[in-house]
Amino acid sequence: MKPQENEILLIYNGRKSHDTKVLGYASAVQKYTVNERNIDKNPLTETQLNQVANDMGLQILDLIDKKSDAYLNEIKDQRFSNEEMMKIVKQHPEILKTPIAMLNNTVFFVHSAYDFVNKGIEIEGIKSKSGNIYESPNRD
């Protein structure tokens, strides 16, 4: 599940509007192709989930969206091992914090288009968090 050169592997949940917006950002990235992985239709395997966590330097629990209904209703205040959490995420992919982008040797959560820009990836019309190409560089 490693992206090829000039490829973004985007792990997202098609049921989340924010994730589909980020998919749009990723599709606008110049010089990269997007390989989509909609976990709502094609959940990650335990091996893939473990790989994502390892690549991010995180534990499985760190990949959990603690604001999701499934987490709040079924998991909160319970203790699970990493192995147990992997099984839970496989059964309830909506609790995975998404979207996650994998490109080059980098894996990160994508909160906005600026996360791509901060990694040195160009998106048409977006230059930095403080402005875009339509704004004047001089703010005097």
Foldseek 3Di string as FASTA:
>chain_A
DADDAQEKEKEFAPVDPQRVVVVVLVPQWPSHYYHYHHCNVPNDALVRLVVLCVLAVHQSVVQFQCPDPCCVPPPPPDDDHSVVSSVVCNVVVVRGQDTWIHHDSDIDHDRDSQVCLVVVIDGPQQNHPVHGPVDDPDPD
